[in-house]
């Protein structure tokens, strides 16, 4: 494994990873019939995009997107008019939020590593829960996944650990979770003190991880937990929220998890707090620390809630930051 201290992670520049096009099948594996992606079907083509970081192949496997009316308090410290102005500036409709979900599949060290698992089974024509179908289009079966890495315990990141029947969705995978996140959500005292609005999160985390303690390994920060994948403390969004650096040779990718939600709001206005940030001031501090570093070092960055294919660069802009999308590349 690569020996990367946190100082090394946060220092130095990085080469832009070579980007690659959506590929609906893996070598030697037949993808589903293309009929589902034909014009007039009412469905998008598979939500996959591949690129490389050194020799590590990264596949963005989209879990879908959820649109909903802008709730009161979605941004805890900005007015509705301010939020709508930011949406309009980004050519997005007023009074509407659309949140995308982008798990990552890494082919590294001879293993398949999945980072976060999406919203889980939804049934019917739900706009989310697309990860299993997109993995199938990539020629990947659930049993092929060697390791699942969880960034934090919000439902849109952990619910995909369970299949429709409640069984483990990835039956052969070791499950890696942040030690600090596990300690918080599995603590009865923390649950008893939590406000009513958080009780559902505690119950959901315990439902997902029930009876699988032997399959779960708790990881610490500043550790390489899979070949080329090093954990980075990024608390504030949740008590154990974790980002990652993926590195191979001279190339690096910063995986920001939920350091921001929608970049058009929370990168442009890094001082804004999304309603899901459990410790808003700490989330702001973390966001600025990470984005200052990523911008200064020109690191490629991917975000779980970025617009698919969820890859770009960060640059400073008028007191905030701007996400510059990476250029699509049709070859690996």
Protein backbone atom coordinates (compact mmCIF):
# COMPACT_ATOMS: atom_id res chain seq x y z
CA UNK A 1 0.00 0.00 0.00
CA UNK A 2 1.04 3.57 -0.64
CA UNK A 3 2.42 5.26 2.47
CA UNK A 4 0.70 8.66 2.59
CA UNK A 5 0.77 10.84 5.68
CA UNK A 6 -1.84 13.58 5.97
CA UNK A 7 0.88 16.18 5.44
CA UNK A 8 1.69 14.51 2.14
CA UNK A 9 -1.98 14.40 1.21
CA UNK A 10 -2.48 18.10 1.85
CA UNK A 11 0.76 19.16 0.19
CA UNK A 12 1.85 19.42 -3.40
CA UNK A 13 0.03 19.51 -6.72
CA UNK A 14 -1.65 16.80 -8.68
CA UNK A 15 -2.02 15.87 -12.29
CA UNK A 16 -5.46 15.85 -13.80
CA UNK A 17 -6.64 12.25 -14.12
CA UNK A 18 -7.26 11.05 -17.64
CA UNK A 19 -11.01 11.03 -18.13
CA UNK A 20 -12.97 8.41 -20.00
CA UNK A 21 -16.39 7.97 -21.51
CA UNK A 22 -19.38 6.04 -20.31
CA UNK A 23 -18.85 2.37 -21.07
CA UNK A 24 -21.96 0.19 -20.67
CA UNK A 25 -20.14 -3.11 -20.27
CA UNK A 26 -16.97 -4.56 -18.85
CA UNK A 27 -14.59 -6.62 -20.92
CA UNK A 28 -16.11 -9.99 -21.69
CA UNK A 29 -19.38 -9.25 -19.84
CA UNK A 30 -22.64 -8.68 -21.71
CA UNK A 31 -24.61 -5.61 -20.66
CA UNK A 32 -28.42 -5.60 -20.51
CA UNK A 33 -30.32 -5.14 -23.76
CA UNK A 34 -29.97 -1.63 -25.20
CA UNK A 35 -33.75 -1.52 -25.69
CA UNK A 36 -34.13 0.10 -22.27
CA UNK A 37 -32.03 3.03 -23.45
CA UNK A 38 -33.73 3.58 -26.80
CA UNK A 39 -35.30 6.89 -27.76
CA UNK A 40 -38.88 7.11 -26.55
CA UNK A 41 -38.39 4.82 -23.57
CA UNK A 42 -38.73 7.69 -21.10
CA UNK A 43 -35.48 6.58 -19.43
CA UNK A 44 -31.94 7.90 -19.54
CA UNK A 45 -29.04 5.83 -20.79
CA UNK A 46 -26.91 4.20 -18.06
CA UNK A 47 -25.46 6.68 -15.57
CA UNK A 48 -21.80 5.64 -15.78
CA UNK A 49 -18.58 7.55 -16.37
CA UNK A 50 -15.04 6.19 -16.17
CA UNK A 51 -11.69 7.86 -15.70
CA UNK A 52 -8.30 6.96 -14.28
CA UNK A 53 -6.15 8.18 -11.42
CA UNK A 54 -2.77 6.72 -12.29
CA UNK A 55 -3.57 3.05 -12.89
CA UNK A 56 -6.67 3.10 -10.68
CA UNK A 57 -9.90 3.03 -12.66
CA UNK A 58 -12.77 5.09 -11.22
CA UNK A 59 -16.38 4.54 -12.28
CA UNK A 60 -19.03 7.04 -11.27
CA UNK A 61 -22.19 4.93 -10.90
CA UNK A 62 -25.09 7.35 -10.48
CA UNK A 63 -27.89 6.44 -8.07
CA UNK A 64 -30.32 8.94 -9.56
CA UNK A 65 -31.54 12.43 -8.70
CA UNK A 66 -34.34 13.66 -6.48
CA UNK A 67 -36.23 16.91 -7.16
CA UNK A 68 -38.50 18.56 -4.59
CA UNK A 69 -39.91 21.99 -3.72
CA UNK A 70 -37.37 24.15 -1.90
CA UNK A 71 -38.15 23.61 1.80
CA UNK A 72 -38.16 26.42 4.32
CA UNK A 73 -34.84 26.28 6.14
CA UNK A 74 -33.04 24.16 3.54
CA UNK A 75 -30.27 26.71 3.97
CA UNK A 76 -30.35 27.43 7.68
CA UNK A 77 -28.68 30.84 7.56
CA UNK A 78 -29.87 32.36 4.27
CA UNK A 79 -33.22 33.72 3.18
CA UNK A 80 -35.39 32.11 0.54
CA UNK A 81 -34.76 35.10 -1.74
CA UNK A 82 -30.98 34.66 -1.35
CA UNK A 83 -31.22 30.95 -2.13
CA UNK A 84 -33.40 31.59 -5.17
CA UNK A 85 -30.94 34.22 -6.41
CA UNK A 86 -28.12 31.67 -6.19
CA UNK A 87 -30.22 29.08 -8.03
CA UNK A 88 -31.04 31.55 -10.80
CA UNK A 89 -27.38 32.55 -11.09
CA UNK A 90 -26.61 28.86 -11.73
CA UNK A 91 -29.43 28.60 -14.35
CA UNK A 92 -31.47 26.39 -12.04
CA UNK A 93 -35.22 26.82 -11.43
CA UNK A 94 -36.34 28.89 -8.47
CA UNK A 95 -38.07 27.22 -5.52
CA UNK A 96 -36.84 23.78 -6.59
CA UNK A 97 -33.99 21.60 -5.37
CA UNK A 98 -32.52 18.76 -7.39
CA UNK A 99 -30.02 16.59 -5.53
CA UNK A 100 -27.92 13.99 -7.35
CA UNK A 101 -26.26 10.94 -5.81
CA UNK A 102 -22.96 9.58 -7.16
CA UNK A 103 -21.32 6.53 -5.54
CA UNK A 104 -17.84 5.67 -6.82
CA UNK A 105 -16.50 2.28 -7.84
CA UNK A 106 -12.71 1.87 -7.72
CA UNK A 107 -10.75 -0.86 -9.42
CA UNK A 108 -7.58 -0.77 -7.34
CA UNK A 109 -5.03 -3.31 -6.21
CA UNK A 110 -6.96 -6.12 -7.88
CA UNK A 111 -10.06 -5.30 -5.81
CA UNK A 112 -13.40 -3.60 -6.47
CA UNK A 113 -14.06 -0.93 -3.86
CA UNK A 114 -17.43 0.87 -3.67
CA UNK A 115 -17.56 4.23 -1.87
CA UNK A 116 -21.09 4.77 -0.48
CA UNK A 117 -24.15 2.84 -1.59
CA UNK A 118 -26.92 5.23 -2.58
CA UNK A 119 -30.52 5.43 -1.41
CA UNK A 120 -31.24 1.72 -1.48
CA UNK A 121 -34.24 -0.14 -2.95
CA UNK A 122 -37.09 2.15 -3.99
CA UNK A 123 -39.27 0.12 -6.33
CA UNK A 124 -41.32 1.22 -9.30
CA UNK A 125 -40.20 4.24 -11.27
CA UNK A 126 -38.52 6.07 -8.38
CA UNK A 127 -35.95 8.66 -9.48
CA UNK A 128 -33.31 7.24 -7.12
CA UNK A 129 -32.08 3.75 -6.25
CA UNK A 130 -30.42 3.36 -9.65
CA UNK A 131 -27.04 2.11 -8.38
CA UNK A 132 -27.69 -1.65 -8.80
CA UNK A 133 -28.92 -1.20 -12.37
CA UNK A 134 -25.98 1.02 -13.30
CA UNK A 135 -23.49 -1.43 -11.76
CA UNK A 136 -25.13 -4.15 -13.85
CA UNK A 137 -24.66 -2.03 -16.97
CA UNK A 138 -20.99 -1.79 -16.00
CA UNK A 139 -20.80 -5.59 -15.88
CA UNK A 140 -20.45 -5.66 -12.08
CA UNK A 141 -22.46 -8.08 -9.96
CA UNK A 142 -23.14 -7.35 -6.27
CA UNK A 143 -21.04 -10.38 -5.31
CA UNK A 144 -18.07 -8.90 -7.20
CA UNK A 145 -17.65 -6.02 -4.74
CA UNK A 146 -14.75 -6.74 -2.35
CA UNK A 147 -15.02 -3.69 -0.09
CA UNK A 148 -17.68 -1.10 0.67
CA UNK A 149 -16.40 2.16 2.19
CA UNK A 150 -18.93 4.40 3.93
CA UNK A 151 -18.24 8.12 4.35
CA UNK A 152 -20.99 8.77 6.94
CA UNK A 153 -24.29 7.35 8.10
CA UNK A 154 -26.92 9.46 6.34
CA UNK A 155 -29.48 7.24 4.63
CA UNK A 156 -28.57 8.23 1.07
CA UNK A 157 -25.09 6.81 1.71
CA UNK A 158 -25.87 3.63 3.70
CA UNK A 159 -29.34 2.43 2.69
CA UNK A 160 -27.96 0.65 -0.37
CA UNK A 161 -26.15 -1.78 1.93
CA UNK A 162 -29.43 -3.69 2.14
CA UNK A 163 -31.29 -5.36 -0.74
CA UNK A 164 -35.07 -5.33 -1.16
CA UNK A 165 -35.45 -8.45 1.01
CA UNK A 166 -33.26 -6.99 3.76
CA UNK A 167 -30.25 -9.17 2.96
CA UNK A 168 -26.82 -7.65 2.43
CA UNK A 169 -26.73 -6.12 -1.01
CA UNK A 170 -23.02 -6.88 -1.42
CA UNK A 171 -22.73 -10.32 0.17
CA UNK A 172 -18.96 -10.78 -0.11
CA UNK A 173 -17.85 -7.28 0.82
CA UNK A 174 -16.06 -6.13 3.91
CA UNK A 175 -17.77 -2.95 5.14
CA UNK A 176 -15.53 -0.09 6.30
CA UNK A 177 -17.04 2.76 8.34
CA UNK A 178 -15.58 5.79 10.17
CA UNK A 179 -14.88 4.88 13.80
CA UNK A 180 -16.12 8.27 15.01
CA UNK A 181 -19.35 7.90 13.02
CA UNK A 182 -20.02 4.43 14.43
CA UNK A 183 -19.32 5.63 17.96
CA UNK A 184 -21.84 8.45 17.67
CA UNK A 185 -24.79 6.73 15.96
CA UNK A 186 -24.49 3.50 17.98
CA UNK A 187 -24.28 5.28 21.34
CA UNK A 188 -27.53 4.96 23.32
CA UNK A 189 -26.69 8.07 25.31
CA UNK A 190 -26.26 10.17 22.17
CA UNK A 191 -29.54 8.82 20.85
CA UNK A 192 -31.38 9.69 24.06
CA UNK A 193 -30.06 13.26 23.97
CA UNK A 194 -30.68 13.83 20.26
CA UNK A 195 -33.55 16.09 19.14
CA UNK A 196 -36.62 14.44 17.68
CA UNK A 197 -35.57 15.32 14.15
CA UNK A 198 -32.47 13.13 14.48
CA UNK A 199 -34.16 10.11 16.01
CA UNK A 200 -34.97 8.70 12.59
CA UNK A 201 -31.29 8.82 11.59
CA UNK A 202 -30.31 6.83 14.67
CA UNK A 203 -33.02 4.24 14.03
CA UNK A 204 -32.11 3.93 10.37
CA UNK A 205 -28.38 3.46 11.06
CA UNK A 206 -29.18 0.73 13.57
CA UNK A 207 -31.56 -0.94 11.10
CA UNK A 208 -28.94 -1.00 8.37
CA UNK A 209 -26.11 -2.32 10.56
CA UNK A 210 -28.20 -4.69 12.68
CA UNK A 211 -26.58 -8.10 13.20
CA UNK A 212 -23.61 -7.46 10.89
CA UNK A 213 -21.01 -6.27 13.42
CA UNK A 214 -18.66 -9.04 12.33
CA UNK A 215 -18.69 -7.69 8.76
CA UNK A 216 -17.96 -4.09 9.77
CA UNK A 217 -14.46 -2.68 10.29
CA UNK A 218 -14.12 0.75 11.87
CA UNK A 219 -11.42 2.94 10.34
CA UNK A 220 -9.54 5.96 11.67
CA UNK A 221 -8.58 9.13 9.81
CA UNK A 222 -5.24 9.62 8.04
CA UNK A 223 -5.07 5.91 7.20
CA UNK A 224 -4.84 4.08 3.90
CA UNK A 225 -7.83 1.74 4.03
CA UNK A 226 -7.67 0.37 0.47
CA UNK A 227 -4.88 0.54 -2.13
CA UNK A 228 -4.36 4.24 -2.85
CA UNK A 229 -7.36 5.38 -0.73
CA UNK A 230 -6.57 7.49 2.35
CA UNK A 231 -9.12 8.88 4.80
CA UNK A 232 -9.37 12.60 5.63
CA UNK A 233 -11.20 14.05 8.64
CA UNK A 234 -14.06 16.26 7.37
CA UNK A 235 -16.40 16.61 10.36
CA UNK A 236 -19.26 19.05 10.74
CA UNK A 237 -21.74 17.56 8.32
CA UNK A 238 -21.87 14.65 10.79
CA UNK A 239 -19.65 13.85 13.79
CA UNK A 240 -17.62 11.31 11.80
CA UNK A 241 -17.99 12.62 8.26
CA UNK A 242 -15.02 11.52 6.15
CA UNK A 243 -13.50 12.61 2.85
CA UNK A 244 -10.77 10.74 0.97
CA UNK A 245 -7.72 11.17 -1.21
CA UNK A 246 -7.22 8.64 -3.99
CA UNK A 247 -3.61 8.57 -5.19
CA UNK A 248 -1.51 6.54 -7.57
CA UNK A 249 1.92 7.72 -8.68
CA UNK A 250 1.83 11.47 -9.24
CA UNK A 251 -1.94 11.63 -9.73
CA UNK A 252 -4.48 12.37 -7.02
CA UNK A 253 -8.23 12.83 -6.71
CA UNK A 254 -9.96 14.46 -3.74
CA UNK A 255 -13.24 12.73 -2.85
CA UNK A 256 -15.16 15.34 -0.86
CA UNK A 257 -18.19 13.21 0.10
CA UNK A 258 -20.72 15.76 1.50
CA UNK A 259 -18.31 18.59 2.33
CA UNK A 260 -20.76 20.58 0.22
CA UNK A 261 -24.21 19.61 -0.88
CA UNK A 262 -25.21 21.42 -4.10
CA UNK A 263 -22.07 23.36 -5.15
CA UNK A 264 -24.10 26.17 -6.74
CA UNK A 265 -25.22 27.03 -3.21
CA UNK A 266 -22.60 25.81 -0.77
CA UNK A 267 -19.38 26.26 -2.75
CA UNK A 268 -20.34 29.69 -4.06
CA UNK A 269 -21.52 30.56 -0.52
CA UNK A 270 -19.31 28.40 1.72
CA UNK A 271 -20.66 30.12 4.84
CA UNK A 272 -24.17 28.77 4.18
CA UNK A 273 -25.32 25.80 6.24
CA UNK A 274 -27.47 23.10 4.63
CA UNK A 275 -30.13 21.71 6.95
CA UNK A 276 -28.29 18.36 6.99
CA UNK A 277 -25.13 19.86 8.54
CA UNK A 278 -25.29 18.71 12.16
CA UNK A 279 -22.65 21.18 13.36
CA UNK A 280 -23.03 24.14 11.01
CA UNK A 281 -20.07 26.25 12.17
CA UNK A 282 -17.75 23.23 12.07
CA UNK A 283 -19.04 22.28 8.62
CA UNK A 284 -18.20 25.78 7.36
CA UNK A 285 -14.71 25.60 8.85
CA UNK A 286 -14.14 22.19 7.26
CA UNK A 287 -15.51 23.31 3.90
CA UNK A 288 -13.20 26.33 3.71
CA UNK A 289 -10.17 24.35 4.87
CA UNK A 290 -10.71 21.63 2.28
CA UNK A 291 -11.66 23.94 -0.59
CA UNK A 292 -8.73 26.27 0.08
CA UNK A 293 -6.41 23.27 -0.11
CA UNK A 294 -8.03 21.74 -3.22
CA UNK A 295 -8.00 25.11 -5.03
CA UNK A 296 -4.40 25.93 -4.09
CA UNK A 297 -3.11 22.50 -5.07
CA UNK A 298 -5.30 22.28 -8.21
CA UNK A 299 -6.51 18.85 -7.21
CA UNK A 300 -9.26 17.22 -9.23
CA UNK A 301 -12.30 16.78 -6.98
CA UNK A 302 -15.43 14.66 -7.01
CA UNK A 303 -18.53 15.18 -4.88
CA UNK A 304 -21.34 12.84 -3.99
CA UNK A 305 -23.96 15.51 -4.77
CA UNK A 306 -22.18 17.17 -7.68
CA UNK A 307 -23.88 17.14 -11.07
CA UNK A 308 -23.09 13.89 -12.90
CA UNK A 309 -20.38 12.92 -13.77
CA UNK A 310 -19.43 14.73 -10.58
CA UNK A 311 -15.86 15.66 -11.47
CA UNK A 312 -14.06 18.97 -11.76
CA UNK A 313 -11.78 21.53 -10.14
CA UNK A 314 -12.36 24.20 -7.51
CA UNK A 315 -11.25 27.80 -7.90
CA UNK A 316 -11.67 30.74 -5.57
CA UNK A 317 -14.29 33.24 -6.67
CA UNK A 318 -15.42 36.48 -4.94
CA UNK A 319 -15.02 35.24 -1.39
CA UNK A 320 -16.35 31.80 -2.22
CA UNK A 321 -15.52 29.03 -4.65
CA UNK A 322 -16.60 27.85 -8.07
CA UNK A 323 -16.72 24.29 -9.33
CA UNK A 324 -15.29 24.04 -12.86
CA UNK A 325 -16.51 20.81 -14.52
CA UNK A 326 -13.90 18.52 -16.01
CA UNK A 327 -13.83 18.07 -19.77
CA UNK A 328 -15.43 14.85 -21.02
CA UNK A 329 -12.85 12.49 -22.49
CA UNK A 330 -13.98 9.56 -24.64
CA UNK A 331 -11.00 7.30 -23.85
CA UNK A 332 -9.29 5.98 -20.74
